[in-house]
Amino acid sequence: MSYQPKVQTWASNARARPYSQEDFDQRDLRLIGKAWAKFEEMQAAAVGNAPAWMRDSKAIVNWICESAGITVKRYLELRELQTKWPDNVPAWASGQGHDEYVSGCEPA
């Protein structure tokens, strides 16, 4: 009898938990990142000859969203989530003492 390695099937690799909103957020952020990288490549290639839409922030966001396959509303939601502070912030991060953790970070 010879050794037979166990072949994993899709069913055996299935996630143990259902997808969460955080999973979808991370996916969309990756898609946005890829779209921004593509835009930056296009912008670099068009130096001195960039079309007008590449100088309009709303047109750029529209292009990013279309390329990522998300809505502008979703893009703005994700931007807001990225800058939202959690409810429970450690004292050193909230500006309440422990300045040694952030020394050197203050604006010049």
Protein backbone atom coordinates (compact mmCIF):
# COMPACT_ATOMS: atom_id res chain seq x y z
CA MET A 1 0.00 0.00 0.00
CA SER A 2 1.55 3.30 -1.09
CA TYR A 3 1.26 6.65 0.59
CA GLN A 4 -1.59 8.77 -0.77
CA PRO A 5 -1.41 12.47 0.17
CA LYS A 6 -4.66 13.97 1.25
CA VAL A 7 -6.08 16.11 -1.53
CA GLN A 8 -7.77 19.22 -0.25
CA THR A 9 -10.96 20.18 -1.95
CA TRP A 10 -12.77 23.46 -2.03
CA ALA A 11 -15.16 22.17 0.61
CA SER A 12 -12.33 21.31 2.98
CA ASN A 13 -10.85 24.80 2.52
CA ALA A 14 -14.16 26.55 3.19
CA ARG A 15 -14.04 29.34 5.74
CA ALA A 16 -14.99 28.33 9.24
CA ARG A 17 -16.84 31.61 9.73
CA PRO A 18 -19.06 33.67 7.46
CA TYR A 19 -17.67 36.79 5.83
CA SER A 20 -17.80 39.90 7.98
CA GLN A 21 -18.14 43.54 7.03
CA GLU A 22 -14.44 43.94 7.81
CA ASP A 23 -13.64 41.33 5.14
CA PHE A 24 -15.55 43.36 2.56
CA ASP A 25 -13.94 46.59 3.74
CA GLN A 26 -10.47 45.09 3.35
CA ARG A 27 -11.33 43.77 -0.10
CA ASP A 28 -12.60 47.15 -1.24
CA LEU A 29 -9.55 48.92 0.19
CA ARG A 30 -7.28 46.56 -1.78
CA LEU A 31 -9.26 47.29 -4.96
CA ILE A 32 -9.01 51.03 -4.31
CA GLY A 33 -5.26 50.71 -3.73
CA LYS A 34 -4.82 48.89 -7.03
CA ALA A 35 -6.89 51.52 -8.83
CA TRP A 36 -4.80 54.34 -7.31
CA ALA A 37 -1.60 52.57 -8.37
CA LYS A 38 -2.92 52.25 -11.92
CA PHE A 39 -3.94 55.92 -11.92
CA GLU A 40 -0.49 56.99 -10.71
CA GLU A 41 1.13 54.96 -13.50
CA MET A 42 -1.14 56.62 -16.06
CA GLN A 43 -0.44 60.04 -14.57
CA ALA A 44 3.33 59.47 -14.65
CA ALA A 45 3.14 58.35 -18.28
CA ALA A 46 1.14 61.45 -19.22
CA VAL A 47 3.46 64.05 -17.65
CA GLY A 48 3.07 67.30 -19.57
CA ASN A 49 0.27 65.81 -21.65
CA ALA A 50 -2.28 64.71 -19.03
CA PRO A 51 -5.95 65.03 -19.97
CA ALA A 52 -8.01 67.61 -18.09
CA TRP A 53 -9.84 64.99 -16.02
CA MET A 54 -6.52 63.98 -14.38
CA ARG A 55 -6.39 67.44 -12.79
CA ASP A 56 -9.95 67.35 -11.42
CA SER A 57 -10.23 65.67 -8.00
CA LYS A 58 -13.87 64.61 -8.49
CA ALA A 59 -13.11 63.10 -11.90
CA ILE A 60 -10.14 61.26 -10.39
CA VAL A 61 -12.28 59.81 -7.58
CA ASN A 62 -14.93 58.82 -10.13
CA TRP A 63 -12.26 57.04 -12.19
CA ILE A 64 -10.84 55.30 -9.09
CA CYS A 65 -14.30 54.12 -8.05
CA GLU A 66 -15.18 52.89 -11.53
CA SER A 67 -11.87 51.05 -11.80
CA ALA A 68 -12.30 49.48 -8.35
CA GLY A 69 -15.92 48.53 -9.05
CA ILE A 70 -17.33 50.47 -6.11
CA THR A 71 -19.59 53.48 -5.74
CA VAL A 72 -18.41 56.94 -4.75
CA LYS A 73 -20.57 56.61 -1.64
CA ARG A 74 -18.72 53.41 -0.66
CA TYR A 75 -15.36 55.10 -1.32
CA LEU A 76 -16.29 57.98 0.98
CA GLU A 77 -17.54 55.55 3.67
CA LEU A 78 -14.23 53.71 3.60
CA ARG A 79 -12.25 56.96 3.81
CA GLU A 80 -14.32 57.96 6.83
CA LEU A 81 -13.79 54.55 8.47
CA GLN A 82 -10.04 54.86 8.00
CA THR A 83 -9.89 58.15 9.87
CA LYS A 84 -12.45 57.33 12.60
CA TRP A 85 -10.97 56.89 16.05
CA PRO A 86 -12.14 53.84 18.02
CA ASP A 87 -14.32 54.37 21.09
CA ASN A 88 -11.73 52.96 23.48
CA VAL A 89 -8.50 54.86 22.90
CA PRO A 90 -5.48 54.27 25.14
CA ALA A 91 -4.47 57.31 27.20
CA TRP A 92 -1.16 57.68 25.33
CA ALA A 93 -3.01 57.98 22.00
CA SER A 94 -5.72 60.34 23.20
CA GLY A 95 -3.39 63.12 24.31
CA GLN A 96 -4.05 62.48 28.00
CA GLY A 97 -0.56 62.16 29.41
CA HIS A 98 2.25 59.86 28.35
CA ASP A 99 3.74 62.44 26.01
CA GLU A 100 6.92 60.36 25.81
CA TYR A 101 5.12 58.06 23.34
CA VAL A 102 4.54 60.85 20.86
CA SER A 103 7.48 63.16 21.49
CA GLY A 104 8.97 64.36 18.26
CA CYS A 105 5.63 63.97 16.46
CA GLU A 106 4.38 67.47 17.11
CA PRO A 107 4.27 69.91 14.17
CA ALA A 108 7.23 72.22 13.74
